[in-house]
């Protein structure tokens, strides 16, 4: 804790600044995490006017993935559990890994030729950037991870490892796509 106080003193951060920082991270985590969890439940259960599991599996098959149903399960679970983990600030590096792998595939399938809506990837790019930023900065004090000393003390190492794991998994899944 002494290091944190010295660091804050050097950069002029006050306890009010630190509190607003943590509240800002909480708001961002909740919006991005719950958005991703909702997308996952659209795939898995058809909630929120989503396509549901069977249609999502067919969509994966049409996009060149083998075993469309298995890919629908992987994508749906990655988005749902990764989104909930991000929203709660629970195992944030693993949540970031799950969502990173998902976004690599989303961007590859959608293509990068058009950025803006209706056929562009602007929303996906913003959400992916927010996931990377939250994984690297950490979830803040108002999170489950704050209660886990191993994640509080070694945040940079676990954050980078989580993003690398997600990128590797995402590219491996892309390699099996036709």
Protein backbone atom coordinates (compact mmCIF):
# COMPACT_ATOMS: atom_id res chain seq x y z
CA UNK A 1 0.00 0.00 0.00
CA UNK A 2 2.88 2.41 0.65
CA UNK A 3 3.82 2.18 -3.03
CA UNK A 4 0.28 3.17 -4.04
CA UNK A 5 0.37 6.22 -1.79
CA UNK A 6 3.75 7.36 -3.13
CA UNK A 7 2.57 6.81 -6.68
CA UNK A 8 -0.58 8.86 -6.09
CA UNK A 9 1.43 11.60 -4.40
CA UNK A 10 3.83 11.81 -7.36
CA UNK A 11 1.01 12.21 -9.87
CA UNK A 12 -1.16 14.40 -7.64
CA UNK A 13 -4.03 11.93 -7.35
CA UNK A 14 -6.32 12.42 -4.39
CA UNK A 15 -8.67 9.96 -2.81
CA UNK A 16 -11.53 11.69 -4.67
CA UNK A 17 -9.68 11.20 -7.98
CA UNK A 18 -9.07 7.56 -7.15
CA UNK A 19 -12.74 7.05 -6.23
CA UNK A 20 -13.98 8.59 -9.49
CA UNK A 21 -11.45 6.46 -11.38
CA UNK A 22 -12.86 3.31 -9.78
CA UNK A 23 -16.47 4.40 -10.37
CA UNK A 24 -15.60 5.10 -14.02
CA UNK A 25 -14.13 1.62 -14.40
CA UNK A 26 -17.23 0.13 -12.76
CA UNK A 27 -19.57 1.94 -15.16
CA UNK A 28 -17.50 0.91 -18.19
CA UNK A 29 -17.27 -2.71 -16.98
CA UNK A 30 -21.02 -2.92 -16.41
CA UNK A 31 -21.96 -1.47 -19.79
CA UNK A 32 -19.44 -3.43 -21.86
CA UNK A 33 -19.71 -6.65 -19.83
CA UNK A 34 -23.49 -6.76 -19.75
CA UNK A 35 -23.65 -5.89 -23.46
CA UNK A 36 -21.41 -8.86 -24.23
CA UNK A 37 -23.33 -11.16 -21.87
CA UNK A 38 -26.58 -10.16 -23.59
CA UNK A 39 -25.06 -10.96 -26.99
CA UNK A 40 -24.04 -14.37 -25.68
CA UNK A 41 -27.51 -15.13 -24.38
CA UNK A 42 -28.93 -14.12 -27.76
CA UNK A 43 -26.83 -16.87 -29.31
CA UNK A 44 -27.45 -19.49 -26.63
CA UNK A 45 -31.09 -18.94 -25.71
CA UNK A 46 -32.58 -16.52 -28.22
CA UNK A 47 -33.07 -13.91 -25.49
CA UNK A 48 -33.34 -10.21 -26.42
CA UNK A 49 -34.68 -11.09 -29.89
CA UNK A 50 -31.59 -13.16 -30.65
CA UNK A 51 -31.38 -15.96 -33.18
CA UNK A 52 -31.03 -18.76 -30.62
CA UNK A 53 -28.71 -21.72 -30.58
CA UNK A 54 -29.81 -23.58 -33.71
CA UNK A 55 -29.85 -20.52 -35.98
CA UNK A 56 -26.51 -19.33 -34.56
CA UNK A 57 -25.02 -22.77 -35.32
CA UNK A 58 -26.27 -22.55 -38.90
CA UNK A 59 -24.78 -19.06 -39.16
CA UNK A 60 -21.39 -20.37 -38.06
CA UNK A 61 -21.59 -23.18 -40.62
CA UNK A 62 -22.50 -20.68 -43.36
CA UNK A 63 -19.50 -18.56 -42.30
CA UNK A 64 -17.15 -21.47 -42.94
CA UNK A 65 -16.70 -22.85 -39.43
CA UNK A 66 -16.86 -26.63 -39.02
CA UNK A 67 -19.28 -27.98 -36.41
CA UNK A 68 -21.49 -24.90 -36.34
CA UNK A 69 -23.35 -26.01 -33.21
CA UNK A 70 -20.09 -26.44 -31.29
CA UNK A 71 -18.89 -23.04 -32.48
CA UNK A 72 -22.23 -21.50 -31.42
CA UNK A 73 -21.74 -22.97 -27.95
CA UNK A 74 -18.16 -21.71 -27.74
CA UNK A 75 -19.08 -18.22 -28.93
CA UNK A 76 -22.21 -18.00 -26.78
CA UNK A 77 -20.44 -19.18 -23.65
CA UNK A 78 -17.40 -16.97 -24.31
CA UNK A 79 -19.58 -13.90 -24.68
CA UNK A 80 -21.91 -14.74 -21.78
CA UNK A 81 -19.29 -15.82 -19.24
CA UNK A 82 -16.65 -13.35 -20.43
CA UNK A 83 -19.19 -10.54 -20.31
CA UNK A 84 -20.39 -11.47 -16.82
CA UNK A 85 -16.79 -11.81 -15.63
CA UNK A 86 -15.98 -8.38 -17.01
CA UNK A 87 -19.12 -6.81 -15.50
CA UNK A 88 -18.36 -8.25 -12.07
CA UNK A 89 -14.63 -7.67 -12.32
CA UNK A 90 -14.21 -11.38 -11.65
CA UNK A 91 -11.11 -13.06 -13.11
CA UNK A 92 -10.83 -10.08 -15.43
CA UNK A 93 -7.79 -11.39 -17.36
CA UNK A 94 -9.70 -14.59 -18.26
CA UNK A 95 -12.83 -12.61 -19.13
CA UNK A 96 -10.66 -10.45 -21.39
CA UNK A 97 -9.17 -13.58 -22.95
CA UNK A 98 -12.61 -15.04 -23.75
CA UNK A 99 -13.82 -11.81 -25.30
CA UNK A 100 -10.57 -11.16 -27.20
CA UNK A 101 -10.81 -14.53 -28.95
CA UNK A 102 -14.43 -13.80 -29.79
CA UNK A 103 -13.72 -10.35 -31.22
CA UNK A 104 -10.84 -11.60 -33.37
CA UNK A 105 -13.29 -13.97 -35.04
CA UNK A 106 -16.08 -11.39 -35.25
CA UNK A 107 -13.80 -8.91 -37.00
CA UNK A 108 -12.42 -11.58 -39.34
CA UNK A 109 -15.90 -12.74 -40.36
CA UNK A 110 -17.36 -9.24 -40.71
CA UNK A 111 -14.29 -7.98 -42.55
CA UNK A 112 -12.54 -4.67 -42.13
CA UNK A 113 -13.41 -3.13 -45.48
CA UNK A 114 -16.16 -0.89 -44.05
CA UNK A 115 -15.90 0.78 -40.67
CA UNK A 116 -19.20 2.63 -40.26
CA UNK A 117 -22.71 1.22 -39.89
CA UNK A 118 -24.80 -0.36 -41.21
CA UNK A 119 -22.31 -2.91 -42.58
CA UNK A 120 -19.22 -1.72 -40.74
CA UNK A 121 -17.45 -2.85 -37.61
CA UNK A 122 -17.45 0.38 -35.59
CA UNK A 123 -19.47 -1.07 -32.68
CA UNK A 124 -17.36 -4.22 -32.57
CA UNK A 125 -14.17 -2.15 -32.70
CA UNK A 126 -15.27 0.08 -29.83
CA UNK A 127 -16.37 -2.86 -27.69
CA UNK A 128 -13.13 -4.75 -28.42
CA UNK A 129 -11.04 -1.70 -27.56
CA UNK A 130 -12.95 -1.31 -24.29
CA UNK A 131 -12.34 -5.00 -23.45
CA UNK A 132 -8.60 -4.63 -24.10
CA UNK A 133 -8.42 -1.40 -22.08
CA UNK A 134 -10.32 -2.90 -19.13
CA UNK A 135 -8.17 -6.03 -19.20
CA UNK A 136 -4.98 -3.96 -19.15
CA UNK A 137 -6.07 -1.39 -16.55
CA UNK A 138 -7.87 -3.82 -14.31
CA UNK A 139 -11.37 -3.67 -12.92
CA UNK A 140 -10.74 -1.18 -10.10
CA UNK A 141 -11.61 -1.33 -6.42
CA UNK A 142 -15.31 -2.07 -6.90
CA UNK A 143 -14.76 -5.58 -8.22
CA UNK A 144 -14.41 -9.18 -7.16
CA UNK A 145 -10.78 -9.19 -8.34
CA UNK A 146 -9.98 -6.49 -5.78
CA UNK A 147 -10.70 -9.10 -3.12
CA UNK A 148 -8.27 -11.61 -4.71
CA UNK A 149 -4.71 -10.68 -3.67
CA UNK A 150 -3.04 -12.64 -6.48
CA UNK A 151 -4.84 -10.56 -9.13
CA UNK A 152 -4.39 -7.31 -7.25
CA UNK A 153 -0.63 -7.76 -6.88
CA UNK A 154 0.33 -9.15 -10.32
CA UNK A 155 -2.17 -7.34 -12.55
CA UNK A 156 0.09 -6.37 -15.50
CA UNK A 157 1.46 -9.87 -15.98
CA UNK A 158 -1.97 -11.53 -15.84
CA UNK A 159 -3.54 -8.86 -18.04
CA UNK A 160 -1.00 -9.35 -20.82
CA UNK A 161 -1.15 -13.15 -20.47
CA UNK A 162 -4.95 -13.02 -20.71
CA UNK A 163 -4.86 -10.96 -23.90
CA UNK A 164 -2.19 -13.19 -25.45
CA UNK A 165 -4.18 -16.31 -24.54
CA UNK A 166 -7.32 -14.81 -26.09
CA UNK A 167 -5.48 -13.79 -29.26
CA UNK A 168 -3.90 -17.22 -29.69
CA UNK A 169 -7.22 -18.99 -29.11
CA UNK A 170 -8.99 -16.62 -31.50
CA UNK A 171 -6.45 -17.18 -34.27
CA UNK A 172 -6.47 -20.96 -33.75
CA UNK A 173 -10.25 -20.95 -34.23
CA UNK A 174 -9.80 -18.83 -37.37
CA UNK A 175 -7.34 -21.41 -38.74
CA UNK A 176 -10.01 -24.13 -38.70
CA UNK A 177 -12.43 -21.92 -40.64
CA UNK A 178 -12.78 -22.69 -44.35
